[in-house]
Amino acid sequence: MSEKENEDSNASSTYPPAVLKPCTRLILDVPDNLQPIVYSPEYNVTFGFMEKLQSYDVCKWGRTFAFLKEAGLLSEETIIQPLEAQEDDLLMVHPKTYLDSFKLSSKVLGIDLSSLVLLPDCVILNKILRSFRFQTGGTVLAAQLALKRGWAINLGGGLHHCCATKGGGFCPYADMTLAVRFLFENAQSVKRVMVIDLSAHQGNGLGRDFLNDDRVYILDVYNRDVYPHDGFAKRGIRCKVELRSKVEDEDYMLQFRRALDEALAQFEPDLVLYNAGSDVLFGDHTGGMFISPEGIIERDQLVFVKIRSRGIPLVMLMGGGYHRMASRITADSIVNLHRMGLISFGAQGTKATPLAKAIPPPKRNSTRPELFESLLNDGITTESGLWTRFKNFASGSQVKLMPDDAKEQQALRSVEGSFLKGIRRSLSSGTVEKVQF
């Protein structure tokens, strides 16, 4: 066993004794007219203006909801708001000693909060932990909804770096582990669960929690060059796809498609948890991948086609991806799923309805995220235009980012902002000589 594999190997999934009927309070009696999309304003973490100083977008969940509301898919009256997970619920997975450790320091989150240094540690910690307790409640609720409606989406959750006894990577609670354990103990129809983890980072918490559990099959596609480098947790991954930094759409989708087909041939789940991380987006400095917005949309669509066509209940979670552009792309992807008929709103049966036929991948030009639609409508960008400029810039090509045309300069500035900041952080070399603004 390597040094890294040996490190904290005792943090694998040794659960405390089950508490009587935990999590049942999190399962709400949801009217049929409400859509199986779970979200609460409590997901977002605000410190006045100070959250804008953080490299993490800690309000991304609210932005996604706002974009979906703007698209006409959601409203405050049609979403399902979860309850906050309480200590008794969390004890189903986490020992009390672990939960008590949060009272000591925010460092247990495994994130840098130095930009909030003016605030007391306890204030920061309480706000962040409250957010993730609501998201954890949302994941448990979404899993139950998927069994009744065939699919469900939690606009938060997917905290895959946390295992029963150890958190990290902005993941204080093991929401997915909690949902799976709850279903195993309370849902007679669920005997086997598949986790499809497509965050750019290895889901080491999940790997540790389900290391010796044959009822859970983990398919994990991640960048091996970035955090967490957890060799011990890799043993819990049944189908592992390790990619390298700067991987682009074509290679990413080719390898993922093969792995997904392999996983579904090996394992027949009663429910699928899909962690749809957007940190694969190129420009996200934490993920190191070069996946385009279209690539993310195509990826999500493929998962829904493969799983929904088999009549398997599917839960979509939003773990990973704190780039300022992530919430827009996540919303665009959900809109695309609706347009393709892969999700529909309103009352549904108790089982997922198999699709009549496979849905083709999104066409690159027609499904370009709405962020660029105004540019396309004005005829400013072409297939070799805006997106290629971004990609060339991020890969270190010495290109002139800003064109001479004044109208295009203005349009680029209006959509750019935080996107280029993320690209700059992701650059490993200084080959770009100058960026004009």
Protein backbone atom coordinates (compact mmCIF):
# COMPACT_ATOMS: atom_id res chain seq x y z
CA MET A 1 0.00 0.00 0.00
CA SER A 2 1.41 3.38 -0.98
CA GLU A 3 1.82 6.20 1.52
CA LYS A 4 -1.20 8.01 0.10
CA GLU A 5 -3.29 4.84 0.06
CA ASN A 6 -2.39 4.17 3.67
CA GLU A 7 -3.15 7.72 4.76
CA ASP A 8 -6.41 7.88 6.66
CA SER A 9 -7.42 4.41 5.50
CA ASN A 10 -9.46 4.21 8.67
CA ALA A 11 -11.71 6.91 7.16
CA SER A 12 -13.47 4.32 5.01
CA SER A 13 -17.06 3.43 5.62
CA THR A 14 -17.45 2.05 9.13
CA TYR A 15 -20.90 3.34 9.99
CA PRO A 16 -22.17 4.03 13.48
CA PRO A 17 -25.20 2.01 14.62
CA ALA A 18 -28.34 3.09 12.76
CA VAL A 19 -30.61 5.51 14.59
CA LEU A 20 -34.28 4.62 14.76
CA LYS A 21 -36.11 5.92 11.70
CA PRO A 22 -33.63 8.67 10.71
CA CYS A 23 -34.33 10.86 7.68
CA THR A 24 -38.04 10.02 7.55
CA ARG A 25 -38.87 13.62 8.42
CA LEU A 26 -37.00 14.67 5.27
CA ILE A 27 -39.46 12.76 3.06
CA LEU A 28 -42.28 15.18 2.32
CA ASP A 29 -45.75 14.50 1.00
CA VAL A 30 -45.36 16.32 -2.32
CA PRO A 31 -48.43 17.31 -4.36
CA ASP A 32 -48.47 16.02 -7.93
CA ASN A 33 -48.58 19.52 -9.38
CA LEU A 34 -45.10 20.30 -8.03
CA GLN A 35 -42.16 19.50 -10.27
CA PRO A 36 -39.56 16.96 -9.03
CA ILE A 37 -36.89 19.63 -8.81
CA VAL A 38 -35.62 20.33 -5.31
CA TYR A 39 -34.18 23.68 -4.27
CA SER A 40 -34.19 26.09 -1.35
CA PRO A 41 -32.85 29.64 -1.09
CA GLU A 42 -31.09 28.31 2.01
CA TYR A 43 -28.63 26.54 -0.32
CA ASN A 44 -26.87 29.85 -0.93
CA VAL A 45 -24.21 31.27 1.37
CA THR A 46 -24.15 35.04 1.74
CA PHE A 47 -21.94 37.34 3.81
CA GLY A 48 -23.15 40.66 2.46
CA PHE A 49 -20.69 41.58 -0.31
CA MET A 50 -17.88 39.43 1.03
CA GLU A 51 -18.89 36.19 -0.70
CA LYS A 52 -17.86 37.90 -3.96
CA LEU A 53 -14.26 37.78 -2.72
CA GLN A 54 -14.34 33.98 -2.64
CA SER A 55 -12.98 31.94 -5.55
CA TYR A 56 -15.92 29.57 -4.96
CA ASP A 57 -19.31 30.75 -6.23
CA VAL A 58 -21.28 30.00 -3.07
CA CYS A 59 -24.51 31.30 -4.59
CA LYS A 60 -24.41 29.18 -7.75
CA TRP A 61 -27.49 27.18 -6.78
CA GLY A 62 -29.64 30.30 -6.63
CA ARG A 63 -28.28 31.47 -9.98
CA THR A 64 -29.22 28.17 -11.58
CA PHE A 65 -32.74 28.49 -10.20
CA ALA A 66 -32.96 32.08 -11.47
CA PHE A 67 -31.96 31.00 -14.99
CA LEU A 68 -34.50 28.17 -14.98
CA LYS A 69 -37.15 30.56 -13.75
CA GLU A 70 -36.23 32.97 -16.54
CA ALA A 71 -36.60 30.10 -19.03
CA GLY A 72 -40.13 29.47 -17.74
CA LEU A 73 -39.44 26.01 -16.33
CA LEU A 74 -39.66 26.83 -12.63
CA SER A 75 -41.16 29.26 -10.17
CA GLU A 76 -41.23 29.63 -6.41
CA GLU A 77 -44.66 27.99 -6.45
CA THR A 78 -43.66 24.87 -8.41
CA ILE A 79 -40.32 23.86 -6.89
CA ILE A 80 -40.04 21.53 -3.91
CA GLN A 81 -38.23 23.00 -0.94
CA PRO A 82 -36.45 20.46 1.29
CA LEU A 83 -36.07 20.45 5.05
CA GLU A 84 -32.74 20.89 6.77
CA ALA A 85 -31.04 17.64 7.77
CA GLN A 86 -30.71 17.49 11.55
CA GLU A 87 -28.10 15.74 13.68
CA ASP A 88 -30.30 12.65 14.12
CA ASP A 89 -30.48 12.34 10.33
CA LEU A 90 -26.75 12.82 9.84
CA LEU A 91 -25.97 10.22 12.50
CA MET A 92 -27.22 7.58 10.10
CA VAL A 93 -23.84 7.99 8.37
CA HIS A 94 -21.58 10.23 10.47
CA PRO A 95 -20.28 9.44 13.99
CA LYS A 96 -21.08 12.11 16.55
CA THR A 97 -17.36 12.73 17.04
CA TYR A 98 -17.15 13.82 13.40
CA LEU A 99 -20.15 16.13 13.64
CA ASP A 100 -18.76 17.63 16.84
CA SER A 101 -15.46 18.38 15.08
CA PHE A 102 -17.15 21.18 13.13
CA LYS A 103 -17.39 23.16 16.34
CA LEU A 104 -13.62 23.48 16.38
CA SER A 105 -12.63 24.98 13.04
CA SER A 106 -13.75 25.65 9.48
CA LYS A 107 -10.56 23.92 8.34
CA VAL A 108 -12.40 20.60 8.50
CA LEU A 109 -14.14 21.68 5.28
CA GLY A 110 -10.83 21.50 3.45
CA ILE A 111 -11.25 24.91 1.79
CA ASP A 112 -9.53 28.27 1.93
CA LEU A 113 -11.71 30.89 3.61
CA SER A 114 -8.97 33.49 3.95
CA SER A 115 -10.96 36.05 1.94
CA LEU A 116 -13.51 36.05 4.79
CA VAL A 117 -10.90 36.63 7.46
CA LEU A 118 -12.80 39.62 8.87
CA LEU A 119 -15.67 37.38 9.95
CA PRO A 120 -15.58 35.13 13.02
CA ASP A 121 -14.85 31.53 12.20
CA CYS A 122 -18.03 30.35 13.88
CA VAL A 123 -20.17 32.67 11.74
CA ILE A 124 -18.61 31.41 8.51
CA LEU A 125 -18.90 27.79 9.56
CA ASN A 126 -22.51 28.01 10.68
CA LYS A 127 -23.63 29.63 7.44
CA ILE A 128 -21.82 27.12 5.25
CA LEU A 129 -22.88 24.08 7.27
CA ARG A 130 -26.51 25.22 7.29
CA SER A 131 -26.41 25.49 3.49
CA PHE A 132 -25.10 21.96 3.11
CA ARG A 133 -27.54 20.53 5.65
CA PHE A 134 -30.36 21.82 3.47
CA GLN A 135 -28.68 20.39 0.37
CA THR A 136 -28.28 17.05 2.14
CA GLY A 137 -31.97 17.05 2.96
CA GLY A 138 -32.59 17.87 -0.69
CA THR A 139 -30.64 14.84 -1.90
CA VAL A 140 -32.56 12.44 0.37
CA LEU A 141 -35.86 13.97 -0.79
CA ALA A 142 -34.86 13.88 -4.48
CA ALA A 143 -33.98 10.19 -4.23
CA GLN A 144 -37.43 9.41 -2.85
CA LEU A 145 -39.09 11.58 -5.51
CA ALA A 146 -37.25 9.76 -8.30
CA LEU A 147 -38.80 6.47 -7.20
CA LYS A 148 -42.26 7.99 -7.59
CA ARG A 149 -41.76 10.24 -10.62
CA GLY A 150 -39.01 8.41 -12.52
CA TRP A 151 -36.55 11.28 -12.20
CA ALA A 152 -35.68 14.13 -9.88
CA ILE A 153 -33.13 16.93 -9.77
CA ASN A 154 -31.58 18.48 -6.71
CA LEU A 155 -30.08 21.83 -7.68
CA GLY A 156 -27.49 21.24 -4.95
CA GLY A 157 -25.89 18.22 -3.30
CA GLY A 158 -23.36 15.83 -4.80
CA LEU A 159 -20.91 16.27 -1.90
CA HIS A 160 -18.72 13.40 -3.03
CA HIS A 161 -15.49 14.24 -1.17
CA CYS A 162 -17.02 13.57 2.24
CA CYS A 163 -17.11 10.07 3.71
CA ALA A 164 -18.53 8.90 7.02
CA THR A 165 -15.63 10.12 9.13
CA LYS A 166 -13.87 12.77 7.08
CA GLY A 167 -14.86 15.82 5.04
CA GLY A 168 -12.92 17.90 2.53
CA GLY A 169 -13.08 19.72 -0.77
CA PHE A 170 -16.04 21.89 0.31
CA CYS A 171 -18.02 18.76 1.25
CA PRO A 172 -18.91 18.58 4.96
CA TYR A 173 -21.66 15.93 4.75
CA ALA A 174 -21.95 12.67 2.80
CA ASP A 175 -25.35 13.43 1.29
CA MET A 176 -25.20 10.70 -1.37
CA THR A 177 -24.17 8.04 1.14
CA LEU A 178 -26.99 9.14 3.41
CA ALA A 179 -29.56 8.92 0.61
CA VAL A 180 -28.38 5.46 -0.44
CA ARG A 181 -28.40 4.10 3.12
CA PHE A 182 -31.86 5.54 3.72
CA LEU A 183 -33.23 3.87 0.58
CA PHE A 184 -31.64 0.54 1.39
CA GLU A 185 -33.31 0.55 4.79
CA ASN A 186 -36.67 2.05 3.85
CA ALA A 187 -37.43 1.46 0.14
CA GLN A 188 -38.17 -2.19 -0.64
CA SER A 189 -37.76 -1.61 -4.37
CA VAL A 190 -34.14 -0.43 -4.00
CA LYS A 191 -31.58 -3.20 -3.58
CA ARG A 192 -28.83 -1.96 -5.92
CA VAL A 193 -27.71 1.59 -6.68
CA MET A 194 -25.37 2.94 -9.34
CA VAL A 195 -23.49 6.20 -8.84
CA ILE A 196 -22.35 8.01 -11.99
CA ASP A 197 -19.86 10.61 -10.81
CA LEU A 198 -18.82 13.05 -13.52
CA SER A 199 -17.26 15.79 -11.47
CA ALA A 200 -13.73 16.61 -12.62
CA HIS A 201 -12.50 15.36 -9.25
CA GLN A 202 -12.34 11.82 -7.96
CA GLY A 203 -15.28 11.10 -5.65
CA ASN A 204 -13.10 9.80 -2.86
CA GLY A 205 -15.74 10.07 -0.15
CA LEU A 206 -18.06 7.78 -2.07
CA GLY A 207 -15.22 5.38 -2.84
CA ARG A 208 -14.43 5.04 0.85
CA ASP A 209 -18.04 4.73 2.00
CA PHE A 210 -18.94 1.96 -0.44
CA LEU A 211 -15.57 0.21 -0.57
CA ASN A 212 -16.94 -3.20 0.45
CA ASP A 213 -20.58 -2.81 -0.53
CA ASP A 214 -21.51 -4.90 -3.58
CA ARG A 215 -24.93 -3.26 -3.70
CA VAL A 216 -23.37 0.00 -4.91
CA TYR A 217 -21.61 0.36 -8.26
CA ILE A 218 -19.54 3.52 -8.77
CA LEU A 219 -18.64 4.81 -12.22
CA ASP A 220 -16.21 7.69 -11.78
CA VAL A 221 -14.71 9.79 -14.60
CA TYR A 222 -12.21 12.34 -13.34
CA ASN A 223 -8.96 14.23 -13.90
CA ARG A 224 -6.19 12.24 -12.26
CA ASP A 225 -3.94 15.32 -12.15
CA VAL A 226 -6.05 17.24 -9.61
CA TYR A 227 -7.30 16.85 -6.03
CA PRO A 228 -7.77 14.54 -4.13
CA HIS A 229 -5.26 11.87 -5.35
CA ASP A 230 -6.83 9.34 -2.96
CA GLY A 231 -5.33 5.95 -3.84
CA PHE A 232 -7.13 4.12 -1.04
CA ALA A 233 -10.56 5.36 -2.16
CA LYS A 234 -9.96 4.19 -5.75
CA ARG A 235 -10.53 0.66 -4.52
CA GLY A 236 -14.21 1.48 -4.11
CA ILE A 237 -14.65 2.51 -7.75
CA ARG A 238 -15.97 -0.32 -9.90
CA CYS A 239 -15.51 1.46 -13.22
CA LYS A 240 -12.74 4.07 -13.18
CA VAL A 241 -11.84 6.44 -16.05
CA GLU A 242 -8.77 8.51 -15.24
CA LEU A 243 -8.26 11.40 -17.66
CA ARG A 244 -5.54 14.03 -17.86
CA SER A 245 -5.67 17.81 -17.73
CA LYS A 246 -6.78 19.66 -20.88
CA VAL A 247 -8.91 16.76 -22.13
CA GLU A 248 -11.44 18.03 -24.68
CA ASP A 249 -14.97 17.05 -25.68
CA GLU A 250 -14.29 14.32 -28.24
CA ASP A 251 -11.94 12.20 -26.12
CA TYR A 252 -13.96 12.83 -22.96
CA MET A 253 -17.24 11.72 -24.51
CA LEU A 254 -15.67 8.72 -26.25
CA GLN A 255 -14.23 7.35 -23.02
CA PHE A 256 -17.31 8.16 -20.95
CA ARG A 257 -19.68 6.54 -23.43
CA ARG A 258 -17.64 3.33 -23.41
CA ALA A 259 -17.49 3.30 -19.62
CA LEU A 260 -21.23 3.91 -19.25
CA ASP A 261 -22.07 1.06 -21.62
CA GLU A 262 -19.68 -1.19 -19.73
CA ALA A 263 -21.16 -0.25 -16.36
CA LEU A 264 -24.75 -0.86 -17.48
CA ALA A 265 -23.75 -4.23 -18.94
CA GLN A 266 -22.16 -5.28 -15.65
CA PHE A 267 -24.70 -3.94 -13.19
CA GLU A 268 -28.49 -3.55 -13.17
CA PRO A 269 -29.40 -0.83 -10.66
CA ASP A 270 -32.76 -0.04 -9.13
CA LEU A 271 -31.81 3.65 -8.96
CA VAL A 272 -29.03 5.86 -10.34
CA LEU A 273 -27.48 8.85 -8.58
CA TYR A 274 -25.88 11.13 -11.17
CA ASN A 275 -23.38 13.71 -9.92
CA ALA A 276 -23.39 16.18 -12.81
CA GLY A 277 -20.31 18.23 -11.90
CA SER A 278 -19.77 21.30 -14.06
CA ASP A 279 -16.15 21.68 -12.93
CA VAL A 280 -15.17 19.88 -16.13
CA LEU A 281 -15.86 23.20 -17.89
CA PHE A 282 -12.74 24.66 -19.38
CA GLY A 283 -11.87 27.78 -17.48
CA ASP A 284 -12.68 26.16 -14.14
CA HIS A 285 -9.29 26.32 -12.43
CA THR A 286 -10.14 23.53 -9.99
CA GLY A 287 -10.92 20.89 -12.62
CA GLY A 288 -8.25 21.43 -15.27
CA MET A 289 -10.37 20.01 -18.10
CA PHE A 290 -11.22 21.68 -21.41
CA ILE A 291 -14.84 20.60 -21.83
CA SER A 292 -17.07 23.06 -23.68
CA PRO A 293 -20.59 24.08 -22.64
CA GLU A 294 -21.90 21.95 -25.51
CA GLY A 295 -19.91 19.02 -24.19
CA ILE A 296 -21.55 19.29 -20.78
CA ILE A 297 -25.00 19.45 -22.36
CA GLU A 298 -24.24 16.42 -24.53
CA ARG A 299 -22.89 14.51 -21.54
CA ASP A 300 -25.98 15.14 -19.40
CA GLN A 301 -28.24 14.22 -22.28
CA LEU A 302 -26.42 10.92 -22.80
CA VAL A 303 -26.88 9.97 -19.13
CA PHE A 304 -30.61 10.67 -19.25
CA VAL A 305 -31.04 8.78 -22.53
CA LYS A 306 -29.20 5.70 -21.29
CA ILE A 307 -30.85 5.57 -17.87
CA ARG A 308 -34.37 6.75 -18.64
CA SER A 309 -34.64 4.45 -21.67
CA ARG A 310 -34.12 1.52 -19.29
CA GLY A 311 -36.90 2.66 -16.95
CA ILE A 312 -34.47 3.24 -14.08
CA PRO A 313 -35.25 6.08 -11.61
CA LEU A 314 -32.61 8.80 -11.96
CA VAL A 315 -31.49 11.48 -9.51
CA MET A 316 -29.39 14.37 -10.83
CA LEU A 317 -27.18 16.27 -8.37
CA MET A 318 -25.02 19.37 -8.89
CA GLY A 319 -21.73 18.58 -7.17
CA GLY A 320 -18.60 20.35 -8.36
CA GLY A 321 -18.28 23.50 -10.40
CA TYR A 322 -17.96 26.91 -8.75
CA HIS A 323 -17.02 28.89 -11.85
CA ARG A 324 -19.26 31.92 -12.38
CA MET A 325 -20.40 30.48 -15.69
CA ALA A 326 -21.36 27.07 -14.26
CA SER A 327 -24.87 27.96 -13.14
CA ARG A 328 -25.84 29.22 -16.60
CA ILE A 329 -24.56 26.07 -18.30
CA THR A 330 -26.27 23.84 -15.74
CA ALA A 331 -29.55 25.63 -16.40
CA ASP A 332 -29.06 25.37 -20.17
CA SER A 333 -28.49 21.64 -19.81
CA ILE A 334 -31.71 21.15 -17.83
CA VAL A 335 -33.60 23.21 -20.41
CA ASN A 336 -32.16 20.95 -23.10
CA LEU A 337 -33.30 17.82 -21.23
CA HIS A 338 -36.81 19.28 -21.17
CA ARG A 339 -36.75 20.22 -24.85
CA MET A 340 -35.58 16.71 -25.74
CA GLY A 341 -38.46 15.15 -23.81
CA LEU A 342 -36.12 13.46 -21.34
CA ILE A 343 -37.81 15.16 -18.40
CA SER A 344 -41.38 16.36 -18.22
CA PHE A 345 -43.26 18.18 -15.54
CA GLY A 346 -46.49 17.27 -13.76
CA ALA A 347 -47.80 14.08 -12.24
CA GLN A 348 -46.17 10.87 -13.41
CA GLY A 349 -46.45 7.21 -12.62
CA THR A 350 -44.61 5.31 -9.96
CA LYS A 351 -42.01 4.08 -12.44
CA ALA A 352 -39.88 5.74 -15.06
CA THR A 353 -41.40 5.50 -18.53
CA PRO A 354 -38.97 4.03 -21.08
CA LEU A 355 -38.36 6.28 -24.04
CA ALA A 356 -39.75 5.19 -27.38
CA LYS A 357 -36.44 5.82 -29.10
CA ALA A 358 -32.99 7.13 -28.42
CA ILE A 359 -32.51 10.88 -28.57
CA PRO A 360 -29.61 12.05 -30.75
CA PRO A 361 -26.80 14.11 -29.23
CA PRO A 362 -27.36 17.87 -29.25
CA LYS A 363 -26.34 19.67 -32.41
CA ARG A 364 -23.43 21.90 -31.63
CA ASN A 365 -24.73 25.01 -33.34
CA SER A 366 -28.36 24.73 -32.22
CA THR A 367 -27.71 23.97 -28.56
CA ARG A 368 -24.94 26.45 -27.89
CA PRO A 369 -25.70 27.85 -24.42
CA GLU A 370 -27.82 30.95 -24.25
CA LEU A 371 -24.84 32.88 -22.98
CA PHE A 372 -23.67 33.14 -26.59
CA GLU A 373 -27.07 33.32 -28.32
CA SER A 374 -27.06 37.09 -28.69
CA LEU A 375 -23.68 36.91 -30.38
CA LEU A 376 -24.84 34.21 -32.73
CA ASN A 377 -28.03 36.09 -33.57
CA ASP A 378 -25.99 39.17 -34.44
CA GLY A 379 -23.83 37.09 -36.74
CA ILE A 380 -20.72 37.95 -34.74
CA THR A 381 -19.45 34.49 -33.92
CA THR A 382 -18.84 31.59 -36.26
CA GLU A 383 -17.78 27.99 -35.76
CA SER A 384 -14.21 29.29 -35.63
CA GLY A 385 -15.08 32.43 -33.72
CA LEU A 386 -15.69 33.15 -30.04
CA TRP A 387 -15.39 29.63 -28.65
CA THR A 388 -12.20 28.92 -30.60
CA ARG A 389 -10.67 32.16 -29.32
CA PHE A 390 -11.37 31.07 -25.75
CA LYS A 391 -10.02 27.58 -26.33
CA ASN A 392 -6.86 28.78 -28.04
CA PHE A 393 -6.28 31.27 -25.26
CA ALA A 394 -6.68 28.63 -22.53
CA SER A 395 -4.36 26.20 -24.30
CA GLY A 396 -1.61 28.82 -24.39
CA SER A 397 -1.74 29.79 -28.06
CA GLN A 398 -0.43 33.26 -28.80
CA VAL A 399 -3.60 34.69 -30.25
CA LYS A 400 -5.12 38.14 -30.31
CA LEU A 401 -8.15 37.63 -28.12
CA MET A 402 -9.90 40.87 -28.94
CA PRO A 403 -10.73 41.54 -32.61
CA ASP A 404 -10.57 44.91 -34.28
CA ASP A 405 -14.33 45.15 -34.81
CA ALA A 406 -15.78 47.47 -32.14
CA LYS A 407 -19.13 45.67 -31.95
CA GLU A 408 -17.52 42.32 -31.31
CA GLN A 409 -15.20 43.83 -28.72
CA GLN A 410 -18.19 45.18 -26.82
CA ALA A 411 -20.04 41.85 -27.02
CA LEU A 412 -17.03 39.88 -25.84
CA ARG A 413 -16.53 42.17 -22.89
CA SER A 414 -20.19 41.86 -21.89
CA VAL A 415 -20.14 38.04 -21.69
CA GLU A 416 -16.59 37.57 -20.54
CA GLY A 417 -15.85 38.92 -17.07
CA SER A 418 -15.29 36.10 -14.64
CA PHE A 419 -14.84 33.54 -17.41
CA LEU A 420 -11.45 34.91 -18.42
CA LYS A 421 -10.43 35.22 -14.79
CA GLY A 422 -11.03 31.50 -14.44
CA ILE A 423 -9.08 30.81 -17.62
CA ARG A 424 -6.15 32.86 -16.36
CA ARG A 425 -6.04 30.84 -13.15
CA SER A 426 -6.05 27.62 -15.17
CA LEU A 427 -3.10 28.55 -17.34
CA SER A 428 0.07 26.73 -16.46
CA SER A 429 2.34 28.76 -18.72
CA GLY A 430 2.79 32.41 -19.60
CA THR A 431 2.72 32.02 -23.37
CA VAL A 432 -0.08 34.54 -23.84
CA GLU A 433 1.66 37.86 -24.13
CA LYS A 434 -1.21 40.31 -23.70
CA VAL A 435 -4.96 40.41 -23.23
CA GLN A 436 -6.82 43.53 -24.32
CA PHE A 437 -9.87 44.82 -22.48
